[in-house]
Amino acid sequence: MAVDFQFYLNASLWWTSERDQTCCDIISHHLIKPLQQGMKLSTSEVDTVPIPVENRAARVLGMAHIARVASRILATTSTAQRNRALEEISLSLQANGEAIKAANAEDIRAAKAAAMAPALIDRLTLTDDRIAAMAAGVLQVALLQDPIGTQLGENVRPNGLKISKVRVPLGVIGIIYESRPNVTADSASLCLKSGNAVILRGGSEAIQSNRCLADIMIRAVLNCGLPEGTIQLIQDTDRASSLALMQAEGLVDLLIPRGGNGLKKTVLDNARVPVLTSLGGNCHTFIDATADIQMAVDIAFNAKVSRPSVCNAMETLLIHADVARDVLGQLIPRLHAAGVEVRGCERSCTLYPDIVAAELADWDTEYLALILAVKVVDSVEDAIEHIGLHGTGHSEAIVTNESRNAELFTNRVDAACVYVNASTRFTDGFEFGLGAEVGISTQKLHARGPIGLQELTTYKYVIYGTGQIRA
């Protein structure tokens, strides 16, 4: 699909007024004049326009303008059109496995040269199996129910006006993420399915992999007749580019950061567009006095050990005093055998001397490692109070056989996900039946918990009348 001449003319005028004449001259020479001469340009050619480093923010804002135009077209596409594009992406990822691995190998070499931790290199690495899983994940998104056009409510007013509430795409979504290149495909596919244009900004660690993946996906959607700008990747990892995306008021409808707390804080501190993110995963499990001890021990072990580096892992274990001795006696040896360092309150250290004494900071720490804080409490109310003081609103669990305590816990604990007799590790879009996700939100507006297709939409009111006028 050719780049729209009028759009770029407008973008050039905007750049003139908002940035500087040098940048505008470059845009005019490389884009406006060729278009006036009848040439056709793709977004990949636009990305190579030699805008100086100091003008990279202008390039990102130009991409946002492209995405805005594309989003209006995408909002009118059918489910079949978007599914066809997703199927084409899946096939293209599988067909281009060698090119993806070659690009990824460049990132791996750079990571090793920079002495990146082995665990992080593993997250960065794309193998045949991981590429196949990525392609399968895109296809799975195509199979999900399309939320766009769903009628959320309808009523007819006494004056005859028929008012419907209809789900629609958000528009343009920006996603800033770190390390894992599979996020490129996951995020793009969810945005496409939900009728949104997406601007991706990955980390420097995976820049070659991301460029290759984005190029494959862009070609696939264009082959299916979807507009330029449906999927775009910011081609550099310069801070100015990410700041421009964060501050693209009126162009980006939602920004989602995926990564560590440092990234999220930077986005929250600098963004001028709506942001949807998690404020951390300081997750708790409370073992009630009525709990089945074996079940409680199994749940706690799984919540901490199965994958300690993720945001839904348990960081603090709260135990009712009546069962603390039995729980600690069974759980601590298992945790120690798994390499977990246990830091406990004074009461828990008395009951089990091998526990390291906790400090005040431990109750507020998201370790993302094989470290667990343990505290003995006297009631479900004490557990709820502790969570209220130290929790981050992510995922909290109670293990109990008392329905009144379960109801009290679920009603009073303020978190995105509250569990009864299950591990916090289930807070995940796939586990919730939502398909893939683009993150977990601990906010209350506009979405909370796993961010799936529906969370990438909004709604509008459609009103039918027969000539009604207001008195």
Protein backbone atom coordinates (compact mmCIF):
# COMPACT_ATOMS: atom_id res chain seq x y z
CA MET A 1 0.00 0.00 0.00
CA ALA A 2 1.48 3.36 -1.03
CA VAL A 3 2.07 6.02 1.57
CA ASP A 4 -0.68 8.65 1.39
CA PHE A 5 0.71 11.86 -0.14
CA GLN A 6 -1.66 14.22 1.64
CA PHE A 7 -0.84 12.63 4.96
CA TYR A 8 2.89 13.22 4.54
CA LEU A 9 2.32 16.75 3.35
CA ASN A 10 0.35 17.39 6.54
CA ALA A 11 3.01 15.64 8.62
CA SER A 12 5.72 17.78 7.05
CA LEU A 13 3.81 20.96 7.87
CA TRP A 14 3.38 19.72 11.43
CA TRP A 15 7.08 19.01 11.74
CA THR A 16 7.83 22.53 10.50
CA SER A 17 5.73 24.14 13.20
CA GLU A 18 6.64 21.79 16.06
CA ARG A 19 10.30 20.92 15.47
CA ASP A 20 12.81 22.68 13.22
CA GLN A 21 13.38 23.66 9.63
CA THR A 22 16.31 21.26 9.16
CA CYS A 23 14.14 18.28 9.93
CA CYS A 24 11.38 19.61 7.70
CA ASP A 25 13.82 20.07 4.79
CA ILE A 26 14.98 16.46 5.15
CA ILE A 27 11.41 15.19 5.18
CA SER A 28 10.57 17.33 2.17
CA HIS A 29 13.58 16.09 0.16
CA HIS A 30 13.19 12.39 0.95
CA LEU A 31 9.42 12.09 1.14
CA ILE A 32 7.36 14.98 -0.17
CA LYS A 33 9.22 15.52 -3.44
CA PRO A 34 9.33 11.81 -4.39
CA LEU A 35 5.64 11.52 -3.65
CA GLN A 36 4.86 14.57 -5.75
CA GLN A 37 6.77 12.89 -8.58
CA GLY A 38 4.50 9.85 -8.34
CA MET A 39 6.85 7.52 -6.47
CA LYS A 40 5.47 4.97 -4.04
CA LEU A 41 7.15 4.62 -0.65
CA SER A 42 6.72 1.98 2.04
CA THR A 43 7.09 2.55 5.77
CA SER A 44 10.40 0.64 5.69
CA GLU A 45 11.73 3.28 3.26
CA VAL A 46 10.35 6.02 5.46
CA ASP A 47 12.29 4.54 8.39
CA THR A 48 15.57 5.00 6.51
CA VAL A 49 15.11 8.73 5.95
CA PRO A 50 18.34 10.24 7.39
CA ILE A 51 16.85 12.35 10.15
CA PRO A 52 19.67 13.56 12.47
CA VAL A 53 19.96 12.09 15.95
CA GLU A 54 18.65 15.26 17.54
CA ASN A 55 15.48 14.94 15.43
CA ARG A 56 14.65 11.33 16.25
CA ALA A 57 11.74 12.48 18.35
CA ALA A 58 10.25 14.00 15.21
CA ARG A 59 10.51 10.64 13.45
CA VAL A 60 8.57 8.96 16.26
CA LEU A 61 5.88 11.61 16.17
CA GLY A 62 5.68 11.10 12.42
CA MET A 63 5.19 7.38 13.03
CA ALA A 64 2.41 8.23 15.47
CA HIS A 65 0.69 10.27 12.75
CA ILE A 66 0.96 7.29 10.40
CA ALA A 67 -0.49 5.03 13.10
CA ARG A 68 -3.36 7.46 13.69
CA VAL A 69 -4.34 7.28 10.02
CA ALA A 70 -3.99 3.48 10.02
CA SER A 71 -6.09 3.11 13.17
CA ARG A 72 -9.06 4.78 11.50
CA ILE A 73 -8.88 2.26 8.67
CA LEU A 74 -8.34 -0.71 10.99
CA ALA A 75 -11.43 0.22 12.98
CA THR A 76 -13.53 -0.48 9.88
CA THR A 77 -11.93 -3.83 8.98
CA SER A 78 -13.75 -7.12 9.44
CA THR A 79 -12.83 -9.94 11.79
CA ALA A 80 -12.00 -12.06 8.73
CA GLN A 81 -9.56 -9.45 7.39
CA ARG A 82 -7.67 -9.18 10.66
CA ASN A 83 -7.64 -12.93 11.17
CA ARG A 84 -6.26 -13.41 7.67
CA ALA A 85 -3.43 -11.01 8.49
CA LEU A 86 -2.67 -12.88 11.72
CA GLU A 87 -2.59 -16.19 9.85
CA GLU A 88 -0.19 -14.64 7.31
CA ILE A 89 2.04 -13.41 10.13
CA SER A 90 2.11 -16.88 11.67
CA LEU A 91 3.06 -18.49 8.35
CA SER A 92 5.68 -15.83 7.65
CA LEU A 93 7.34 -16.29 11.04
CA GLN A 94 7.66 -20.02 10.39
CA ALA A 95 8.91 -19.49 6.84
CA ASN A 96 11.57 -17.00 7.95
CA GLY A 97 12.97 -18.95 10.90
CA GLU A 98 16.56 -18.88 9.62
CA ALA A 99 16.52 -15.12 9.12
CA ILE A 100 15.07 -14.64 12.61
CA LYS A 101 17.77 -16.84 14.16
CA ALA A 102 20.51 -15.02 12.26
CA ALA A 103 19.29 -11.65 13.55
CA ASN A 104 18.91 -13.08 17.03
CA ALA A 105 22.47 -14.43 16.90
CA GLU A 106 23.72 -10.84 16.52
CA ASP A 107 21.88 -9.87 19.69
CA ILE A 108 23.25 -12.91 21.53
CA ARG A 109 26.82 -12.07 20.52
CA ALA A 110 26.38 -8.51 21.75
CA ALA A 111 24.81 -9.73 25.00
CA LYS A 112 27.69 -12.09 25.72
CA ALA A 113 30.22 -9.37 24.92
CA ALA A 114 28.42 -7.15 27.43
CA ALA A 115 28.59 -9.95 30.05
CA MET A 116 24.81 -10.21 30.29
CA ALA A 117 23.60 -12.72 32.91
CA PRO A 118 22.96 -16.22 31.52
CA ALA A 119 19.31 -16.13 32.62
CA LEU A 120 18.76 -12.94 30.63
CA ILE A 121 20.54 -14.35 27.61
CA ASP A 122 18.22 -17.34 27.78
CA ARG A 123 15.18 -15.03 27.73
CA LEU A 124 16.67 -13.26 24.72
CA THR A 125 17.43 -16.42 22.73
CA LEU A 126 15.15 -17.55 19.89
CA THR A 127 15.39 -21.25 18.98
CA ASP A 128 13.40 -23.22 16.41
CA ASP A 129 11.00 -24.32 19.14
CA ARG A 130 10.53 -20.77 20.43
CA ILE A 131 9.92 -19.40 16.95
CA ALA A 132 7.37 -22.16 16.37
CA ALA A 133 5.72 -21.31 19.69
CA MET A 134 5.67 -17.64 18.71
CA ALA A 135 3.98 -18.45 15.41
CA ALA A 136 1.50 -20.74 17.17
CA GLY A 137 0.73 -17.97 19.65
CA VAL A 138 -0.15 -15.56 16.83
CA LEU A 139 -2.44 -18.19 15.30
CA GLN A 140 -4.07 -18.71 18.69
CA VAL A 141 -4.89 -15.00 18.85
CA ALA A 142 -6.61 -15.32 15.47
CA LEU A 143 -8.86 -18.00 16.98
CA LEU A 144 -9.98 -15.79 19.87
CA GLN A 145 -13.41 -14.19 19.79
CA ASP A 146 -13.31 -10.72 18.27
CA PRO A 147 -14.44 -8.13 20.84
CA ILE A 148 -14.93 -5.34 18.29
CA GLY A 149 -18.56 -4.52 17.54
CA THR A 150 -19.89 -6.34 20.59
CA GLN A 151 -23.00 -4.64 21.92
CA LEU A 152 -22.54 -3.95 25.62
CA GLY A 153 -25.99 -2.55 26.26
CA GLU A 154 -29.05 -1.07 24.65
CA ASN A 155 -32.05 0.91 25.75
CA VAL A 156 -34.89 2.83 24.14
CA ARG A 157 -35.73 6.18 25.71
CA PRO A 158 -39.32 7.41 26.21
CA ASN A 159 -38.80 9.81 23.31
CA GLY A 160 -37.96 6.89 21.00
CA LEU A 161 -34.18 7.29 20.86
CA LYS A 162 -32.48 3.91 20.59
CA ILE A 163 -29.13 4.04 22.42
CA SER A 164 -26.54 1.27 22.03
CA LYS A 165 -23.17 0.90 23.75
CA VAL A 166 -20.68 -0.75 21.35
CA ARG A 167 -17.12 -1.98 21.89
CA VAL A 168 -14.53 -0.31 19.61
CA PRO A 169 -10.71 -0.23 19.33
CA LEU A 170 -8.71 2.22 21.43
CA GLY A 171 -6.86 3.49 18.34
CA VAL A 172 -3.07 3.75 18.64
CA ILE A 173 -1.22 1.74 21.27
CA GLY A 174 2.43 2.23 22.16
CA ILE A 175 4.34 -0.59 23.84
CA ILE A 176 7.77 -0.09 25.41
CA TYR A 177 9.45 -3.31 26.47
CA GLU A 178 12.74 -4.93 27.36
CA SER A 179 14.75 -7.96 26.37
CA ARG A 180 12.35 -10.70 25.24
CA PRO A 181 11.80 -10.49 21.44
CA ASN A 182 8.69 -12.68 21.62
CA VAL A 183 6.90 -9.63 23.08
CA THR A 184 7.19 -8.08 19.61
CA ALA A 185 4.97 -10.76 18.06
CA ASP A 186 2.66 -11.18 21.07
CA SER A 187 1.91 -7.48 21.40
CA ALA A 188 1.52 -6.81 17.69
CA SER A 189 -0.88 -9.72 17.25
CA LEU A 190 -3.13 -8.68 20.14
CA CYS A 191 -3.24 -5.08 18.94
CA LEU A 192 -4.03 -6.18 15.40
CA LYS A 193 -6.79 -8.55 16.51
CA SER A 194 -8.41 -5.79 18.57
CA GLY A 195 -8.30 -3.36 15.63
CA ASN A 196 -5.54 -1.11 16.97
CA ALA A 197 -2.44 0.26 15.31
CA VAL A 198 0.69 -0.37 17.38
CA ILE A 199 4.04 1.35 17.77
CA LEU A 200 6.64 -0.96 19.32
CA ARG A 201 9.78 0.19 21.09
CA GLY A 202 11.97 -2.70 22.21
CA GLY A 203 15.17 -2.68 24.21
CA SER A 204 18.68 -2.43 22.82
CA GLU A 205 19.38 -6.04 23.86
CA ALA A 206 17.02 -7.40 21.19
CA ILE A 207 17.14 -4.67 18.55
CA GLN A 208 18.26 -6.91 15.65
CA SER A 209 15.70 -9.60 16.51
CA ASN A 210 12.94 -7.02 16.85
CA ARG A 211 13.80 -5.38 13.54
CA CYS A 212 13.66 -8.72 11.76
CA LEU A 213 10.37 -9.76 13.42
CA ALA A 214 8.75 -6.40 12.76
CA ASP A 215 9.79 -6.44 9.10
CA ILE A 216 8.27 -9.90 8.66
CA MET A 217 5.02 -8.87 10.31
CA ILE A 218 4.75 -5.56 8.43
CA ARG A 219 5.16 -7.33 5.08
CA ALA A 220 2.56 -9.90 6.08
CA VAL A 221 -0.12 -7.34 6.99
CA LEU A 222 0.57 -5.31 3.84
CA ASN A 223 0.20 -8.46 1.73
CA CYS A 224 -3.26 -8.86 3.25
CA GLY A 225 -4.33 -5.34 2.28
CA LEU A 226 -4.14 -3.73 5.71
CA PRO A 227 -2.82 -0.15 5.86
CA GLU A 228 0.71 1.13 6.25
CA GLY A 229 1.27 1.88 9.92
CA THR A 230 -0.72 -1.07 11.28
CA ILE A 231 2.49 -2.31 12.92
CA GLN A 232 5.56 -0.10 13.37
CA LEU A 233 8.82 -0.54 15.25
CA ILE A 234 10.95 2.37 16.42
CA GLN A 235 14.23 1.49 14.75
CA ASP A 236 16.59 2.96 17.34
CA THR A 237 16.86 2.63 21.11
CA ASP A 238 17.69 6.25 21.78
CA ARG A 239 16.12 7.82 24.88
CA ALA A 240 14.75 10.71 22.82
CA SER A 241 12.68 8.28 20.77
CA SER A 242 11.12 6.59 23.78
CA LEU A 243 10.39 9.97 25.39
CA ALA A 244 8.69 11.11 22.21
CA LEU A 245 6.42 8.06 22.33
CA MET A 246 5.64 8.72 25.99
CA GLN A 247 4.72 12.32 25.22
CA ALA A 248 2.81 11.93 21.95
CA GLU A 249 -0.32 13.64 23.26
CA GLY A 250 -3.30 13.36 20.97
CA LEU A 251 -1.60 10.67 18.88
CA VAL A 252 -1.07 7.68 21.20
CA ASP A 253 -4.20 6.52 23.01
CA LEU A 254 -2.53 4.11 25.44
CA LEU A 255 1.06 3.32 26.42
CA ILE A 256 1.95 -0.02 28.01
CA PRO A 257 5.43 -0.55 29.50
CA ARG A 258 6.58 -4.17 29.86
CA GLY A 259 9.72 -4.75 31.88
CA GLY A 260 11.36 -3.98 35.19
CA ASN A 261 10.35 -1.41 37.75
CA GLY A 262 12.98 0.99 36.43
CA LEU A 263 11.33 1.09 33.02
CA LYS A 264 7.87 1.47 34.50
CA LYS A 265 8.98 4.31 36.76
CA THR A 266 10.58 6.12 33.83
CA VAL A 267 7.37 5.84 31.84
CA LEU A 268 5.16 6.96 34.73
CA ASP A 269 7.47 9.90 35.47
CA ASN A 270 7.62 11.14 31.87
CA ALA A 271 4.45 10.09 30.08
CA ARG A 272 1.88 12.61 28.91
CA VAL A 273 -0.33 9.94 27.38
CA PRO A 274 -2.48 7.41 29.29
CA VAL A 275 -0.37 4.60 30.77
CA LEU A 276 -1.49 1.12 31.79
CA THR A 277 0.98 -0.82 33.90
CA SER A 278 1.71 -2.84 37.01
CA LEU A 279 3.24 -1.12 40.01
CA GLY A 280 4.99 -4.35 40.97
CA GLY A 281 4.07 -7.79 42.20
CA ASN A 282 4.60 -7.92 45.96
CA CYS A 283 2.22 -10.87 46.19
CA HIS A 284 1.15 -12.58 49.44
CA THR A 285 -0.25 -15.94 50.45
CA PHE A 286 -2.06 -16.21 53.81
CA ILE A 287 -2.41 -19.65 55.40
CA ASP A 288 -5.47 -19.58 57.67
CA ALA A 289 -5.87 -21.57 60.88
CA THR A 290 -8.43 -23.82 59.16
CA ALA A 291 -6.29 -24.57 56.09
CA ASP A 292 -5.46 -28.06 54.92
CA ILE A 293 -1.75 -28.04 55.81
CA GLN A 294 -0.56 -30.20 52.92
CA MET A 295 -2.52 -28.16 50.39
CA ALA A 296 -1.25 -24.92 51.94
CA VAL A 297 2.38 -26.09 51.79
CA ASP A 298 2.02 -27.17 48.16
CA ILE A 299 0.42 -23.86 47.15
CA ALA A 300 3.05 -21.78 48.94
CA PHE A 301 5.91 -23.80 47.44
CA ASN A 302 4.51 -23.46 43.94
CA ALA A 303 3.84 -19.73 44.33
CA LYS A 304 7.46 -19.09 45.30
CA VAL A 305 9.55 -21.68 43.50
CA SER A 306 7.88 -22.51 40.16
CA ARG A 307 9.14 -19.28 38.56
CA PRO A 308 10.46 -16.76 41.08
CA SER A 309 11.43 -14.06 38.56
CA VAL A 310 7.88 -13.22 37.43
CA CYS A 311 5.46 -10.67 38.85
CA ASN A 312 2.87 -13.21 40.01
CA ALA A 313 5.32 -15.10 42.24
CA MET A 314 4.70 -14.97 46.00
CA GLU A 315 7.10 -12.68 47.89
CA THR A 316 5.63 -12.84 51.43
CA LEU A 317 4.00 -15.74 53.25
CA LEU A 318 1.63 -14.94 56.12
CA ILE A 319 0.79 -17.80 58.49
CA HIS A 320 -1.82 -17.97 61.24
CA ALA A 321 -0.15 -18.54 64.60
CA ASP A 322 -2.26 -21.65 65.31
CA VAL A 323 -0.72 -23.56 62.38
CA ALA A 324 2.63 -21.78 62.03
CA ARG A 325 4.70 -24.54 63.65
CA ASP A 326 3.21 -27.28 61.43
CA VAL A 327 3.43 -25.21 58.23
CA LEU A 328 7.00 -24.09 58.82
CA GLY A 329 8.08 -27.60 59.78
CA GLN A 330 6.90 -28.97 56.44
CA LEU A 331 7.56 -26.01 54.15
CA ILE A 332 10.97 -24.66 55.20
CA PRO A 333 12.95 -27.86 54.41
CA ARG A 334 11.38 -27.93 50.93
CA LEU A 335 12.18 -24.27 50.36
CA HIS A 336 15.77 -24.66 51.55
CA ALA A 337 16.21 -27.71 49.32
CA ALA A 338 15.06 -25.58 46.39
CA GLY A 339 17.61 -22.90 47.24
CA VAL A 340 15.20 -20.38 48.75
CA GLU A 341 16.50 -17.96 51.38
CA VAL A 342 13.77 -17.48 54.00
CA ARG A 343 13.61 -14.22 55.98
CA GLY A 344 11.19 -14.27 58.89
CA CYS A 345 9.66 -12.18 61.64
CA GLU A 346 10.72 -12.73 65.25
CA ARG A 347 7.95 -15.25 65.93
CA SER A 348 8.76 -17.35 62.88
CA CYS A 349 12.48 -17.32 63.73
CA THR A 350 11.62 -18.59 67.21
CA LEU A 351 9.56 -21.43 65.74
CA TYR A 352 12.18 -22.31 63.13
CA PRO A 353 15.71 -21.09 64.03
CA ASP A 354 17.12 -21.71 60.53
CA ILE A 355 15.15 -18.73 59.23
CA VAL A 356 17.11 -15.49 58.71
CA ALA A 357 15.74 -12.48 60.62
CA ALA A 358 13.75 -10.17 58.35
CA GLU A 359 14.20 -6.40 58.22
CA LEU A 360 11.42 -3.85 57.77
CA ALA A 361 12.30 -3.41 54.10
CA ASP A 362 11.60 -7.08 53.42
CA TRP A 363 7.84 -6.59 53.75
CA ASP A 364 7.87 -4.14 50.84
CA THR A 365 10.34 -5.92 48.58
CA GLU A 366 9.51 -7.62 45.31
CA TYR A 367 12.49 -9.97 45.22
CA LEU A 368 11.89 -11.66 41.85
CA ALA A 369 14.35 -14.25 43.16
CA LEU A 370 14.56 -17.26 45.44
CA ILE A 371 13.97 -15.19 48.57
CA LEU A 372 10.82 -15.32 50.72
CA ALA A 373 9.64 -13.20 53.63
CA VAL A 374 7.57 -14.99 56.30
CA LYS A 375 5.39 -13.47 59.00
CA VAL A 376 3.21 -15.06 61.69
CA VAL A 377 -0.14 -13.30 62.29
CA ASP A 378 -2.99 -13.85 64.74
CA SER A 379 -6.03 -13.59 62.47
CA VAL A 380 -7.33 -13.15 58.95
CA GLU A 381 -7.89 -9.48 59.82
CA ASP A 382 -4.20 -9.10 60.68
CA ALA A 383 -3.26 -10.69 57.36
CA ILE A 384 -5.59 -8.34 55.46
CA GLU A 385 -4.12 -5.34 57.29
CA HIS A 386 -0.55 -6.41 56.44
CA ILE A 387 -1.47 -6.83 52.76
CA GLY A 388 -3.17 -3.43 52.75
CA LEU A 389 0.02 -1.82 54.08
CA HIS A 390 2.56 -3.64 51.92
CA GLY A 391 0.80 -5.13 48.89
CA THR A 392 0.96 -3.65 45.40
CA GLY A 393 -2.53 -4.65 44.30
CA HIS A 394 -1.38 -7.48 42.03
CA SER A 395 -2.29 -10.97 43.30
CA GLU A 396 -3.13 -12.12 46.84
CA ALA A 397 -4.19 -15.54 48.09
CA ILE A 398 -5.78 -17.19 51.14
CA VAL A 399 -5.66 -20.89 51.91
CA THR A 400 -8.60 -21.78 54.14
CA ASN A 401 -11.43 -24.22 54.77
CA GLU A 402 -13.61 -21.56 56.38
CA SER A 403 -15.99 -19.94 53.88
CA ARG A 404 -16.51 -16.87 56.08
CA ASN A 405 -12.78 -16.16 56.14
CA ALA A 406 -12.57 -16.68 52.39
CA GLU A 407 -15.42 -14.21 51.85
CA LEU A 408 -13.88 -11.69 54.26
CA PHE A 409 -10.53 -11.96 52.46
CA THR A 410 -11.95 -11.62 48.94
CA ASN A 411 -14.15 -8.68 49.94
CA ARG A 412 -11.56 -6.68 51.83
CA VAL A 413 -8.31 -7.33 49.98
CA ASP A 414 -7.85 -4.67 47.30
CA ALA A 415 -6.00 -6.36 44.44
CA ALA A 416 -6.44 -7.14 40.77
CA CYS A 417 -6.60 -10.88 41.49
CA VAL A 418 -7.67 -12.46 44.79
CA TYR A 419 -7.36 -16.23 45.17
CA VAL A 420 -8.93 -18.78 47.49
CA ASN A 421 -7.03 -22.09 47.75
CA ALA A 422 -4.91 -21.57 44.64
CA SER A 423 -1.45 -20.28 43.73
CA THR A 424 -0.92 -16.65 42.70
CA ARG A 425 1.05 -18.01 39.75
CA PHE A 426 -2.20 -18.32 37.78
CA THR A 427 -2.41 -14.56 37.17
CA ASP A 428 -1.78 -14.80 33.45
CA GLY A 429 -3.87 -14.07 30.39
CA PHE A 430 -3.53 -17.57 28.99
CA GLU A 431 -4.43 -19.21 32.32
CA PHE A 432 -7.49 -16.95 32.59
CA GLY A 433 -8.69 -18.05 29.16
CA LEU A 434 -7.97 -14.66 27.62
CA GLY A 435 -5.39 -15.95 25.16
CA ALA A 436 -2.18 -13.96 25.14
CA GLU A 437 -1.67 -10.76 27.15
CA VAL A 438 0.37 -7.59 26.85
CA GLY A 439 0.96 -7.31 30.58
CA ILE A 440 -0.70 -7.19 33.99
CA SER A 441 -2.33 -4.02 35.29
CA THR A 442 -2.52 -3.14 38.97
CA GLN A 443 -4.41 0.05 38.13
CA LYS A 444 -8.17 0.46 38.36
CA LEU A 445 -8.64 2.59 35.25
CA HIS A 446 -9.30 1.52 32.62
CA ALA A 447 -8.31 -2.12 33.05
CA ARG A 448 -7.16 -4.35 35.91
CA GLY A 449 -5.39 -7.72 35.89
CA PRO A 450 -4.23 -9.47 32.70
CA ILE A 451 -4.43 -7.14 29.69
CA GLY A 452 -6.05 -9.15 26.92
CA LEU A 453 -8.12 -8.25 23.88
CA GLN A 454 -11.03 -6.62 25.70
CA GLU A 455 -8.65 -4.45 27.72
CA LEU A 456 -7.31 -3.03 24.43
CA THR A 457 -10.74 -1.66 23.57
CA THR A 458 -13.09 1.09 24.68
CA TYR A 459 -16.71 1.80 23.74
CA LYS A 460 -18.88 4.38 22.09
CA TYR A 461 -22.58 5.14 22.13
CA VAL A 462 -24.53 4.81 18.91
CA ILE A 463 -27.88 6.60 18.94
CA TYR A 464 -30.66 6.09 16.39
CA GLY A 465 -33.51 8.53 16.17
CA THR A 466 -36.45 9.38 13.96
CA GLY A 467 -36.08 13.14 13.93
CA GLN A 468 -36.07 13.85 17.67
CA ILE A 469 -34.97 17.34 18.78
CA ARG A 470 -34.33 18.44 22.33
CA ALA A 471 -36.75 20.91 23.90
